[in-house]
């Protein structure tokens, strides 16, 4: 095994107009919970437009109603977009999110400190391609051939220190500023949203995990991979991840949200939707 580190829905999808032999099955399962907090300011959505499926999580910040409002703005803006693998379209969507959050901050005093992260995965089932973008410290992991890759890099103080070689990954995990962000929607900073340079090709057996920091802070990358390898289904995998979060010894556990996505042979697909 090689390791590279860089409420609920179950469905699979395949496009009926795709040419025979070019279809791709997509199975996913999502969970979210408040952890040890009084309320859940995280949010997620799974949007299907024809052959294009979008999986997005957002971690709201700002306390009281502010965090929940900010993450809701992220999800609603993405939901209303025309879904495609166009980087400019995704970038325009992120600009719209920033503008809407800034406007709400100015108009309503209770929202002046709100902000939100995003991790967004888009998959074109016809073309068997994926594109992703992110802002803040919500993450996307790509699992393939017994490897796990964190394909997004946190916009955080500790990640900048790791990148500069000033601290190790182990030190980053316990650093007192590990939750301090260098950028997210509505919070300012020098960082900007990042979008993958070009779509990547997918293969049967690929898996993705789109999650907020309440998940990855509690479950190491190696365990995410090991649980994927032993799981009988995407639901089983994500349920096990959630169990690890609940069993974690971390005090004051954050809200957590995770969407597991499996690429499957199209002849294994089923269709079921719960809770969306």
Protein backbone atom coordinates (compact mmCIF):
# COMPACT_ATOMS: atom_id res chain seq x y z
CA UNK A 1 0.00 0.00 0.00
CA UNK A 2 1.36 3.41 -0.94
CA UNK A 3 0.04 6.54 0.74
CA UNK A 4 0.22 9.97 -0.85
CA UNK A 5 -0.88 12.94 1.23
CA UNK A 6 -1.34 16.04 -0.41
CA UNK A 7 -28.77 14.14 5.62
CA UNK A 8 -28.11 11.15 3.54
CA UNK A 9 -28.25 10.09 -0.05
CA UNK A 10 -27.46 6.96 -1.96
CA UNK A 11 -27.72 6.86 -5.70
CA UNK A 12 -26.01 5.70 -8.82
CA UNK A 13 -26.31 7.42 -12.13
CA UNK A 14 -25.64 6.66 -15.76
CA UNK A 15 -26.59 8.71 -18.75
CA UNK A 16 -29.21 7.05 -21.02
CA UNK A 17 -28.04 8.92 -24.11
CA UNK A 18 -24.42 7.84 -23.83
CA UNK A 19 -23.09 5.52 -26.49
CA UNK A 20 -23.03 1.83 -25.60
CA UNK A 21 -19.85 0.98 -23.74
CA UNK A 22 -19.12 4.60 -22.81
CA UNK A 23 -21.41 4.85 -19.81
CA UNK A 24 -20.10 5.15 -16.30
CA UNK A 25 -21.85 4.35 -13.04
CA UNK A 26 -21.63 6.77 -10.11
CA UNK A 27 -22.60 5.69 -6.60
CA UNK A 28 -22.53 8.11 -3.68
CA UNK A 29 -23.44 8.40 -0.04
CA UNK A 30 -23.37 11.49 2.18
CA UNK A 31 -23.48 12.17 5.91
CA UNK A 32 -23.37 15.30 8.04
CA UNK A 33 -23.48 15.88 11.79
CA UNK A 34 -22.96 18.56 14.40
CA UNK A 35 -20.15 16.74 16.20
CA UNK A 36 -19.67 18.31 19.62
CA UNK A 37 -21.10 21.69 18.64
CA UNK A 38 -24.51 23.16 19.44
CA UNK A 39 -25.53 23.40 15.78
CA UNK A 40 -24.40 22.18 12.39
CA UNK A 41 -23.10 24.96 10.15
CA UNK A 42 -21.85 22.54 7.49
CA UNK A 43 -23.84 21.81 4.36
CA UNK A 44 -23.68 19.59 1.30
CA UNK A 45 -25.45 19.05 -1.98
CA UNK A 46 -25.45 16.61 -4.88
CA UNK A 47 -26.68 18.15 -8.12
CA UNK A 48 -27.46 16.21 -11.31
CA UNK A 49 -27.90 17.96 -14.67
CA UNK A 50 -28.01 15.40 -17.45
CA UNK A 51 -24.65 13.63 -17.58
CA UNK A 52 -23.05 16.07 -15.15
CA UNK A 53 -23.06 15.42 -11.41
CA UNK A 54 -21.74 17.87 -8.84
CA UNK A 55 -20.82 16.97 -5.25
CA UNK A 56 -20.14 19.89 -2.93
CA UNK A 57 -19.54 20.47 0.78
CA UNK A 58 -19.24 23.77 2.61
CA UNK A 59 -18.12 24.55 6.16
CA UNK A 60 -19.80 27.69 7.47
CA UNK A 61 -18.08 30.00 9.94
CA UNK A 62 -19.20 32.95 11.99
CA UNK A 63 -21.24 31.52 14.81
CA UNK A 64 -24.96 31.67 15.51
CA UNK A 65 -26.85 31.90 12.21
CA UNK A 66 -23.88 33.30 10.27
CA UNK A 67 -22.06 30.08 9.46
CA UNK A 68 -25.21 28.28 8.38
CA UNK A 69 -26.19 31.22 6.18
CA UNK A 70 -22.76 31.37 4.53
CA UNK A 71 -22.67 27.65 3.70
CA UNK A 72 -26.25 27.88 2.40
CA UNK A 73 -25.20 30.68 0.04
CA UNK A 74 -22.36 28.51 -1.29
CA UNK A 75 -24.69 25.59 -1.98
CA UNK A 76 -27.53 27.62 -3.46
CA UNK A 77 -25.22 29.52 -5.82
CA UNK A 78 -23.62 26.30 -7.10
CA UNK A 79 -27.03 24.61 -7.37
CA UNK A 80 -28.32 27.36 -9.66
CA UNK A 81 -25.30 27.30 -11.97
CA UNK A 82 -25.25 25.59 -15.32
CA UNK A 83 -23.18 22.51 -14.51
CA UNK A 84 -20.22 21.84 -16.78
CA UNK A 85 -16.49 21.12 -16.69
CA UNK A 86 -15.74 24.69 -17.72
CA UNK A 87 -13.17 26.28 -15.40
CA UNK A 88 -14.31 29.81 -16.21
CA UNK A 89 -17.87 28.91 -15.28
CA UNK A 90 -16.75 27.47 -11.97
CA UNK A 91 -14.59 30.52 -11.28
CA UNK A 92 -17.52 32.83 -12.07
CA UNK A 93 -19.64 30.86 -9.59
CA UNK A 94 -17.05 31.38 -6.86
CA UNK A 95 -16.96 35.11 -7.60
CA UNK A 96 -20.75 35.21 -7.25
CA UNK A 97 -20.53 33.45 -3.88
CA UNK A 98 -17.99 35.97 -2.60
CA UNK A 99 -20.14 38.88 -3.78
CA UNK A 100 -23.30 37.51 -2.17
CA UNK A 101 -21.63 36.84 1.17
CA UNK A 102 -20.00 40.27 1.21
CA UNK A 103 -23.35 41.88 0.44
CA UNK A 104 -25.06 40.02 3.29
CA UNK A 105 -22.25 41.00 5.67
CA UNK A 106 -22.84 44.67 4.88
CA UNK A 107 -26.61 44.53 4.97
CA UNK A 108 -27.18 42.47 8.12
CA UNK A 109 -25.10 43.04 11.24
CA UNK A 110 -25.59 39.49 12.56
CA UNK A 111 -23.80 38.14 9.46
CA UNK A 112 -20.81 40.50 9.43
CA UNK A 113 -18.32 37.80 10.51
CA UNK A 114 -19.69 34.93 8.46
CA UNK A 115 -17.64 32.96 5.95
CA UNK A 116 -17.53 29.56 4.31
CA UNK A 117 -15.26 27.05 2.64
CA UNK A 118 -16.02 24.95 -0.43
CA UNK A 119 -14.86 21.67 -1.91
CA UNK A 120 -16.60 20.85 -5.18
CA UNK A 121 -16.24 17.81 -7.42
CA UNK A 122 -17.85 17.67 -10.87
CA UNK A 123 -18.08 14.46 -12.89
CA UNK A 124 -19.18 14.11 -16.52
CA UNK A 125 -20.49 10.54 -16.80
CA UNK A 126 -20.57 10.65 -20.61
CA UNK A 127 -16.99 11.78 -21.06
CA UNK A 128 -15.73 10.02 -17.91
CA UNK A 129 -13.95 13.15 -16.72
CA UNK A 130 -13.74 14.98 -13.40
CA UNK A 131 -12.92 18.56 -12.40
CA UNK A 132 -12.72 20.05 -8.93
CA UNK A 133 -12.26 23.32 -7.09
CA UNK A 134 -11.87 24.38 -3.48
CA UNK A 135 -11.39 27.29 -1.10
CA UNK A 136 -10.45 27.07 2.57
CA UNK A 137 -9.72 23.79 4.33
CA UNK A 138 -12.45 21.48 3.08
CA UNK A 139 -10.82 18.70 1.08
CA UNK A 140 -11.16 16.31 -1.84
CA UNK A 141 -9.38 12.95 -1.75
CA UNK A 142 -8.93 10.77 -4.85
CA UNK A 143 -8.40 7.05 -4.24
CA UNK A 144 -7.06 4.82 -7.03
CA UNK A 145 -5.08 1.56 -7.14
CA UNK A 146 -4.52 1.35 -3.39
CA UNK A 147 -3.34 4.95 -3.17
CA UNK A 148 -4.92 8.02 -1.64
CA UNK A 149 -4.17 11.54 -2.84
CA UNK A 150 -5.31 14.74 -1.16
CA UNK A 151 -5.84 16.60 -4.42
CA UNK A 152 -6.69 19.91 -2.75
CA UNK A 153 -4.34 21.93 -0.58
CA UNK A 154 -5.71 23.71 2.49
CA UNK A 155 -5.67 27.50 2.48
CA UNK A 156 -4.45 27.56 6.07
CA UNK A 157 -1.57 28.83 8.18
CA UNK A 158 -0.23 25.39 9.03
CA UNK A 159 -0.29 24.17 5.43
CA UNK A 160 1.74 27.19 4.41
CA UNK A 161 4.25 26.34 7.14
CA UNK A 162 4.42 22.72 5.95
CA UNK A 163 4.89 23.85 2.35
CA UNK A 164 7.75 26.11 3.45
CA UNK A 165 9.41 23.21 5.27
CA UNK A 166 9.09 24.94 8.64
CA UNK A 167 7.01 22.23 10.33
CA UNK A 168 6.16 18.60 9.61
CA UNK A 169 2.74 17.13 8.81
CA UNK A 170 2.73 15.62 12.30
CA UNK A 171 3.44 19.00 13.86
CA UNK A 172 0.73 20.56 11.73
CA UNK A 173 -1.86 18.17 13.15
CA UNK A 174 -1.35 19.53 16.68
CA UNK A 175 -0.38 23.11 15.85
CA UNK A 176 -2.30 25.75 17.88
CA UNK A 177 -3.14 27.63 14.66
CA UNK A 178 -4.26 24.61 12.66
CA UNK A 179 -7.76 26.08 12.24
CA UNK A 180 -6.60 29.53 11.11
CA UNK A 181 -7.41 30.04 7.44
CA UNK A 182 -5.55 32.18 4.93
CA UNK A 183 -8.64 32.40 2.76
CA UNK A 184 -12.30 31.43 2.45
CA UNK A 185 -15.42 33.13 1.14
CA UNK A 186 -16.14 36.27 3.13
CA UNK A 187 -13.06 36.21 5.36
CA UNK A 188 -10.48 38.06 3.27
CA UNK A 189 -6.83 37.08 3.05
CA UNK A 190 -4.39 36.65 0.20
CA UNK A 191 -5.57 33.22 -0.93
CA UNK A 192 -8.06 32.70 -3.75
CA UNK A 193 -10.21 29.75 -4.80
CA UNK A 194 -8.29 27.10 -6.73
CA UNK A 195 -9.60 25.06 -9.65
CA UNK A 196 -7.90 22.10 -11.28
CA UNK A 197 -6.06 23.15 -14.45
CA UNK A 198 -7.83 20.59 -16.68
CA UNK A 199 -10.28 17.69 -16.22
CA UNK A 200 -8.83 14.28 -15.40
CA UNK A 201 -9.89 10.91 -16.80
CA UNK A 202 -11.67 8.46 -14.51
CA UNK A 203 -11.56 4.67 -14.34
CA UNK A 204 -13.72 1.95 -12.81
CA UNK A 205 -12.78 1.55 -9.17
CA UNK A 206 -11.88 5.19 -8.60
CA UNK A 207 -13.27 6.73 -5.43
CA UNK A 208 -13.51 10.27 -4.09
CA UNK A 209 -14.11 11.69 -0.65
CA UNK A 210 -15.35 15.29 -0.44
CA UNK A 211 -15.31 16.43 3.18
CA UNK A 212 -15.02 19.22 5.72
CA UNK A 213 -12.25 19.44 8.29
CA UNK A 214 -14.47 17.89 10.95
CA UNK A 215 -13.96 14.60 9.11
CA UNK A 216 -10.32 14.68 8.08
CA UNK A 217 -9.19 16.07 11.45
CA UNK A 218 -10.50 12.88 13.06
CA UNK A 219 -9.62 10.25 10.45
CA UNK A 220 -6.03 10.00 9.12
CA UNK A 221 -5.52 9.57 5.37
CA UNK A 222 -4.21 6.02 5.81
CA UNK A 223 -7.44 5.06 7.61
CA UNK A 224 -9.60 6.64 4.91
CA UNK A 225 -7.82 4.39 2.41
CA UNK A 226 -7.93 1.26 4.57
CA UNK A 227 -11.65 1.65 5.21
CA UNK A 228 -12.26 2.09 1.48
CA UNK A 229 -10.39 -1.12 0.76
CA UNK A 230 -12.47 -3.12 3.25
CA UNK A 231 -15.85 -1.53 2.54
CA UNK A 232 -18.57 -3.50 0.75
CA UNK A 233 -20.30 -0.38 -0.58
CA UNK A 234 -19.93 3.37 -0.65
CA UNK A 235 -22.52 3.59 2.13
CA UNK A 236 -20.52 1.14 4.25
CA UNK A 237 -17.37 3.20 3.68
CA UNK A 238 -18.89 6.53 4.66
CA UNK A 239 -20.70 5.05 7.65
CA UNK A 240 -17.37 3.68 8.91
CA UNK A 241 -15.76 7.09 8.47
CA UNK A 242 -18.57 8.67 10.45
CA UNK A 243 -18.12 6.07 13.19
CA UNK A 244 -14.42 6.97 13.43
CA UNK A 245 -15.35 10.64 13.83
CA UNK A 246 -17.79 9.86 16.62
CA UNK A 247 -15.25 7.64 18.37
CA UNK A 248 -12.43 10.17 18.09
CA UNK A 249 -10.87 11.42 21.32
CA UNK A 250 -10.65 14.97 19.96
CA UNK A 251 -12.37 17.36 22.36
CA UNK A 252 -15.01 19.79 21.10
CA UNK A 253 -15.36 17.93 17.82
CA UNK A 254 -16.34 20.15 14.90
CA UNK A 255 -19.28 19.71 12.56
CA UNK A 256 -18.49 17.06 9.98
CA UNK A 257 -19.71 16.39 6.45
CA UNK A 258 -18.57 13.80 3.94
CA UNK A 259 -19.65 12.63 0.52
CA UNK A 260 -18.20 9.36 -0.74
CA UNK A 261 -18.29 8.83 -4.51
CA UNK A 262 -17.50 5.54 -6.26
CA UNK A 263 -17.01 5.04 -9.98
CA UNK A 264 -18.61 1.72 -10.91
CA UNK A 265 -19.26 -0.39 -14.02
CA UNK A 266 -22.55 0.81 -15.44
CA UNK A 267 -24.11 -2.67 -15.38
CA UNK A 268 -23.83 -2.68 -11.57
CA UNK A 269 -25.86 0.46 -11.09
CA UNK A 270 -29.07 0.77 -9.12
CA UNK A 271 -31.17 3.85 -8.51
CA UNK A 272 -32.20 5.04 -5.09
CA UNK A 273 -32.54 8.47 -3.59
CA UNK A 274 -33.03 9.16 0.11
CA UNK A 275 -33.30 12.50 1.84
CA UNK A 276 -32.55 14.87 -1.04
